[in-house]
Amino acid sequence: MLTVAGGQALAGDRSAGKGKARVCVACHGVDGLSRMPDAPNLAGNSELYLRTQLTAYRAGERQHPQMSIIAKGLSDEDIADLAAWYSAIKVTVELPD
């Protein structure tokens, strides 16, 4: 599900998303990698996935004590910006032996 404004997908602004992500740092970390056991990593997820999840929280289709409250205040633009920021963070993976 893409955020649509006037029939076109709303393009997110990474720089704006970085600023808006300050609210997310306590749970999801400054780099999008969570330090809390009940908060997922956001860094490197696809923009579509992040938009879909934030939209679901905002609509009440997905529930979490903190995220349900936070997401209610997000505009389509906020969601697009946050998704653009977190999806742009590069994550590396090291497989175990």
N, C-alpha and C. Protein backbone atom coordinates (compact mmCIF):
# COMPACT_ATOMS: atom_id res chain seq x y z
N MET A 1 0.85 -1.16 0.00
CA MET A 1 0.00 0.00 0.00
C MET A 1 0.90 1.23 0.00
N LEU A 2 0.81 2.05 -1.00
CA LEU A 2 1.55 3.30 -1.05
C LEU A 2 0.65 4.44 -0.62
N THR A 3 1.25 5.42 0.01
CA THR A 3 0.49 6.59 0.39
C THR A 3 0.21 7.38 -0.88
N VAL A 4 -1.05 7.73 -1.11
CA VAL A 4 -1.43 8.40 -2.34
C VAL A 4 -2.03 9.77 -2.02
N ALA A 5 -1.55 10.77 -2.74
CA ALA A 5 -2.09 12.12 -2.62
C ALA A 5 -2.40 12.61 -4.02
N GLY A 6 -3.64 12.90 -4.29
CA GLY A 6 -4.03 13.37 -5.61
C GLY A 6 -3.80 12.34 -6.69
N GLY A 7 -3.90 11.05 -6.37
CA GLY A 7 -3.77 10.02 -7.38
C GLY A 7 -2.35 9.59 -7.65
N GLN A 8 -1.35 10.22 -7.00
CA GLN A 8 0.04 9.85 -7.21
C GLN A 8 0.67 9.47 -5.88
N ALA A 9 1.61 8.54 -5.92
CA ALA A 9 2.31 8.13 -4.71
C ALA A 9 3.08 9.32 -4.15
N LEU A 10 2.97 9.52 -2.87
CA LEU A 10 3.67 10.60 -2.19
C LEU A 10 5.11 10.17 -1.97
N ALA A 11 6.04 10.90 -2.58
CA ALA A 11 7.46 10.58 -2.42
C ALA A 11 7.95 11.10 -1.09
N GLY A 12 8.65 10.25 -0.36
CA GLY A 12 9.19 10.65 0.93
C GLY A 12 10.46 11.45 0.79
N ASP A 13 10.72 12.31 1.75
CA ASP A 13 11.92 13.14 1.82
C ASP A 13 12.81 12.57 2.92
N ARG A 14 13.94 11.97 2.54
CA ARG A 14 14.84 11.35 3.51
C ARG A 14 15.31 12.32 4.59
N SER A 15 15.68 13.52 4.18
CA SER A 15 16.17 14.50 5.15
C SER A 15 15.10 14.86 6.16
N ALA A 16 13.89 15.06 5.68
CA ALA A 16 12.78 15.35 6.59
C ALA A 16 12.51 14.15 7.49
N GLY A 17 12.61 12.95 6.94
CA GLY A 17 12.41 11.74 7.71
C GLY A 17 13.43 11.59 8.82
N LYS A 18 14.67 11.96 8.53
CA LYS A 18 15.73 11.89 9.54
C LYS A 18 15.37 12.77 10.74
N GLY A 19 14.89 13.96 10.47
CA GLY A 19 14.48 14.86 11.55
C GLY A 19 13.28 14.34 12.31
N LYS A 20 12.32 13.80 11.59
CA LYS A 20 11.10 13.27 12.23
C LYS A 20 11.40 12.02 13.04
N ALA A 21 12.46 11.29 12.69
CA ALA A 21 12.81 10.05 13.37
C ALA A 21 13.37 10.27 14.77
N ARG A 22 13.62 11.51 15.15
CA ARG A 22 14.11 11.77 16.51
C ARG A 22 13.16 11.21 17.55
N VAL A 23 11.87 11.21 17.25
CA VAL A 23 10.87 10.67 18.17
C VAL A 23 11.00 9.15 18.29
N CYS A 24 11.54 8.50 17.28
CA CYS A 24 11.61 7.05 17.21
C CYS A 24 12.86 6.48 17.89
N VAL A 25 13.84 7.33 18.14
CA VAL A 25 15.16 6.89 18.62
C VAL A 25 15.09 6.11 19.93
N ALA A 26 14.24 6.51 20.85
CA ALA A 26 14.20 5.86 22.16
C ALA A 26 13.94 4.36 22.04
N CYS A 27 13.10 3.96 21.12
CA CYS A 27 12.77 2.53 20.96
C CYS A 27 13.52 1.87 19.81
N HIS A 28 13.69 2.58 18.70
CA HIS A 28 14.24 1.97 17.48
C HIS A 28 15.70 2.32 17.24
N GLY A 29 16.34 3.06 18.14
CA GLY A 29 17.75 3.40 18.02
C GLY A 29 18.01 4.51 17.02
N VAL A 30 19.11 5.21 17.22
CA VAL A 30 19.47 6.33 16.34
C VAL A 30 19.76 5.85 14.92
N ASP A 31 20.18 4.60 14.79
CA ASP A 31 20.52 4.03 13.49
C ASP A 31 19.44 3.10 12.94
N GLY A 32 18.27 3.08 13.62
CA GLY A 32 17.18 2.22 13.17
C GLY A 32 17.31 0.79 13.64
N LEU A 33 18.34 0.52 14.47
CA LEU A 33 18.54 -0.81 15.03
C LEU A 33 18.13 -0.76 16.50
N SER A 34 17.08 -1.47 16.83
CA SER A 34 16.47 -1.41 18.14
C SER A 34 17.39 -1.89 19.24
N ARG A 35 17.29 -1.22 20.38
CA ARG A 35 18.00 -1.65 21.59
C ARG A 35 17.02 -2.24 22.60
N MET A 36 15.75 -2.29 22.23
CA MET A 36 14.70 -2.77 23.12
C MET A 36 14.14 -4.10 22.60
N PRO A 37 13.85 -5.04 23.48
CA PRO A 37 13.42 -6.37 23.02
C PRO A 37 12.06 -6.41 22.32
N ASP A 38 11.19 -5.44 22.56
CA ASP A 38 9.86 -5.48 21.92
C ASP A 38 9.71 -4.49 20.77
N ALA A 39 10.82 -3.90 20.34
CA ALA A 39 10.78 -2.95 19.22
C ALA A 39 11.59 -3.52 18.06
N PRO A 40 11.03 -3.54 16.86
CA PRO A 40 11.76 -4.11 15.72
C PRO A 40 12.81 -3.16 15.17
N ASN A 41 13.77 -3.72 14.46
CA ASN A 41 14.72 -2.93 13.70
C ASN A 41 13.96 -2.33 12.52
N LEU A 42 14.20 -1.07 12.23
CA LEU A 42 13.56 -0.41 11.09
C LEU A 42 14.53 -0.22 9.93
N ALA A 43 15.80 -0.07 10.23
CA ALA A 43 16.81 0.19 9.21
C ALA A 43 16.81 -0.90 8.15
N GLY A 44 16.84 -0.46 6.90
CA GLY A 44 16.97 -1.38 5.79
C GLY A 44 15.70 -2.07 5.33
N ASN A 45 14.59 -1.88 6.04
CA ASN A 45 13.32 -2.45 5.57
C ASN A 45 12.88 -1.70 4.32
N SER A 46 12.07 -2.33 3.51
CA SER A 46 11.62 -1.68 2.29
C SER A 46 10.68 -0.51 2.62
N GLU A 47 10.71 0.47 1.77
CA GLU A 47 9.87 1.65 1.95
C GLU A 47 8.39 1.25 1.96
N LEU A 48 8.02 0.34 1.08
CA LEU A 48 6.64 -0.12 1.01
C LEU A 48 6.21 -0.78 2.33
N TYR A 49 7.05 -1.64 2.86
CA TYR A 49 6.74 -2.32 4.13
C TYR A 49 6.57 -1.30 5.26
N LEU A 50 7.49 -0.36 5.37
CA LEU A 50 7.42 0.63 6.44
C LEU A 50 6.16 1.50 6.32
N ARG A 51 5.84 1.91 5.12
CA ARG A 51 4.62 2.70 4.90
C ARG A 51 3.38 1.90 5.29
N THR A 52 3.36 0.66 4.88
CA THR A 52 2.21 -0.20 5.16
C THR A 52 2.01 -0.37 6.66
N GLN A 53 3.09 -0.62 7.38
CA GLN A 53 2.98 -0.85 8.82
C GLN A 53 2.58 0.42 9.57
N LEU A 54 3.18 1.56 9.23
CA LEU A 54 2.80 2.81 9.89
C LEU A 54 1.35 3.18 9.60
N THR A 55 0.93 2.95 8.38
CA THR A 55 -0.46 3.23 8.01
C THR A 55 -1.42 2.31 8.78
N ALA A 56 -1.03 1.06 8.95
CA ALA A 56 -1.85 0.11 9.70
C ALA A 56 -1.95 0.51 11.17
N TYR A 57 -0.86 0.96 11.76
CA TYR A 57 -0.92 1.45 13.14
C TYR A 57 -1.85 2.66 13.24
N ARG A 58 -1.69 3.58 12.30
CA ARG A 58 -2.51 4.80 12.32
C ARG A 58 -4.00 4.47 12.20
N ALA A 59 -4.33 3.50 11.37
CA ALA A 59 -5.72 3.12 11.13
C ALA A 59 -6.29 2.22 12.24
N GLY A 60 -5.43 1.75 13.13
CA GLY A 60 -5.88 0.85 14.18
C GLY A 60 -5.94 -0.61 13.74
N GLU A 61 -5.46 -0.90 12.54
CA GLU A 61 -5.45 -2.27 12.03
C GLU A 61 -4.34 -3.10 12.66
N ARG A 62 -3.32 -2.43 13.15
CA ARG A 62 -2.22 -3.07 13.87
C ARG A 62 -2.13 -2.35 15.21
N GLN A 63 -1.93 -3.10 16.28
CA GLN A 63 -1.94 -2.53 17.62
C GLN A 63 -0.63 -2.74 18.37
N HIS A 64 -0.22 -1.71 19.09
CA HIS A 64 0.92 -1.77 20.01
C HIS A 64 0.72 -0.60 20.96
N PRO A 65 0.96 -0.80 22.26
CA PRO A 65 0.67 0.27 23.22
C PRO A 65 1.25 1.65 22.86
N GLN A 66 2.52 1.71 22.45
CA GLN A 66 3.12 3.01 22.11
C GLN A 66 2.87 3.39 20.65
N MET A 67 3.09 2.45 19.74
CA MET A 67 2.98 2.78 18.32
C MET A 67 1.58 3.19 17.90
N SER A 68 0.58 2.60 18.50
CA SER A 68 -0.80 2.97 18.16
C SER A 68 -1.05 4.44 18.48
N ILE A 69 -0.50 4.91 19.57
CA ILE A 69 -0.66 6.32 19.97
C ILE A 69 0.17 7.22 19.07
N ILE A 70 1.42 6.87 18.87
CA ILE A 70 2.32 7.70 18.06
C ILE A 70 1.82 7.81 16.63
N ALA A 71 1.43 6.70 16.03
CA ALA A 71 1.04 6.69 14.62
C ALA A 71 -0.23 7.49 14.34
N LYS A 72 -1.10 7.61 15.31
CA LYS A 72 -2.34 8.38 15.10
C LYS A 72 -2.05 9.82 14.72
N GLY A 73 -0.92 10.35 15.17
CA GLY A 73 -0.55 11.72 14.87
C GLY A 73 0.26 11.91 13.60
N LEU A 74 0.52 10.83 12.88
CA LEU A 74 1.33 10.93 11.66
C LEU A 74 0.48 11.24 10.44
N SER A 75 0.95 12.19 9.66
CA SER A 75 0.29 12.50 8.38
C SER A 75 0.82 11.55 7.31
N ASP A 76 0.20 11.56 6.15
CA ASP A 76 0.71 10.78 5.02
C ASP A 76 2.14 11.20 4.70
N GLU A 77 2.40 12.49 4.77
CA GLU A 77 3.75 13.01 4.49
C GLU A 77 4.75 12.50 5.53
N ASP A 78 4.36 12.52 6.81
CA ASP A 78 5.24 12.01 7.86
C ASP A 78 5.60 10.55 7.59
N ILE A 79 4.61 9.75 7.28
CA ILE A 79 4.82 8.32 7.01
C ILE A 79 5.75 8.14 5.82
N ALA A 80 5.53 8.89 4.75
CA ALA A 80 6.39 8.79 3.57
C ALA A 80 7.82 9.18 3.90
N ASP A 81 8.00 10.25 4.67
CA ASP A 81 9.34 10.73 5.04
C ASP A 81 10.06 9.71 5.93
N LEU A 82 9.37 9.20 6.93
CA LEU A 82 9.98 8.21 7.81
C LEU A 82 10.36 6.94 7.05
N ALA A 83 9.49 6.49 6.18
CA ALA A 83 9.77 5.29 5.38
C ALA A 83 10.97 5.53 4.46
N ALA A 84 11.07 6.72 3.89
CA ALA A 84 12.20 7.04 3.02
C ALA A 84 13.51 7.03 3.81
N TRP A 85 13.49 7.58 5.02
CA TRP A 85 14.69 7.63 5.86
C TRP A 85 15.13 6.22 6.27
N TYR A 86 14.24 5.47 6.90
CA TYR A 86 14.64 4.16 7.41
C TYR A 86 14.99 3.18 6.30
N SER A 87 14.33 3.26 5.17
CA SER A 87 14.65 2.34 4.07
C SER A 87 15.99 2.67 3.42
N ALA A 88 16.47 3.89 3.60
CA ALA A 88 17.75 4.30 3.00
C ALA A 88 18.96 3.88 3.84
N ILE A 89 18.73 3.48 5.09
CA ILE A 89 19.83 3.06 5.95
C ILE A 89 20.31 1.69 5.48
N LYS A 90 21.59 1.59 5.23
CA LYS A 90 22.19 0.34 4.76
C LYS A 90 22.55 -0.54 5.95
N VAL A 91 22.19 -1.81 5.86
CA VAL A 91 22.47 -2.77 6.91
C VAL A 91 23.31 -3.89 6.32
N THR A 92 24.33 -4.30 7.06
CA THR A 92 25.13 -5.45 6.62
C THR A 92 24.81 -6.64 7.52
N VAL A 93 24.99 -7.81 6.97
CA VAL A 93 24.66 -9.04 7.68
C VAL A 93 25.87 -9.95 7.68
N GLU A 94 26.11 -10.58 8.80
CA GLU A 94 27.18 -11.55 8.90
C GLU A 94 26.57 -12.87 9.37
N LEU A 95 26.61 -13.86 8.51
CA LEU A 95 26.06 -15.17 8.85
C LEU A 95 26.99 -15.91 9.81
N PRO A 96 26.42 -16.66 10.73
CA PRO A 96 27.28 -17.44 11.63
C PRO A 96 27.91 -18.60 10.90
N ASP A 97 28.95 -19.15 11.49
CA ASP A 97 29.61 -20.33 10.89
C ASP A 97 28.73 -21.53 10.98
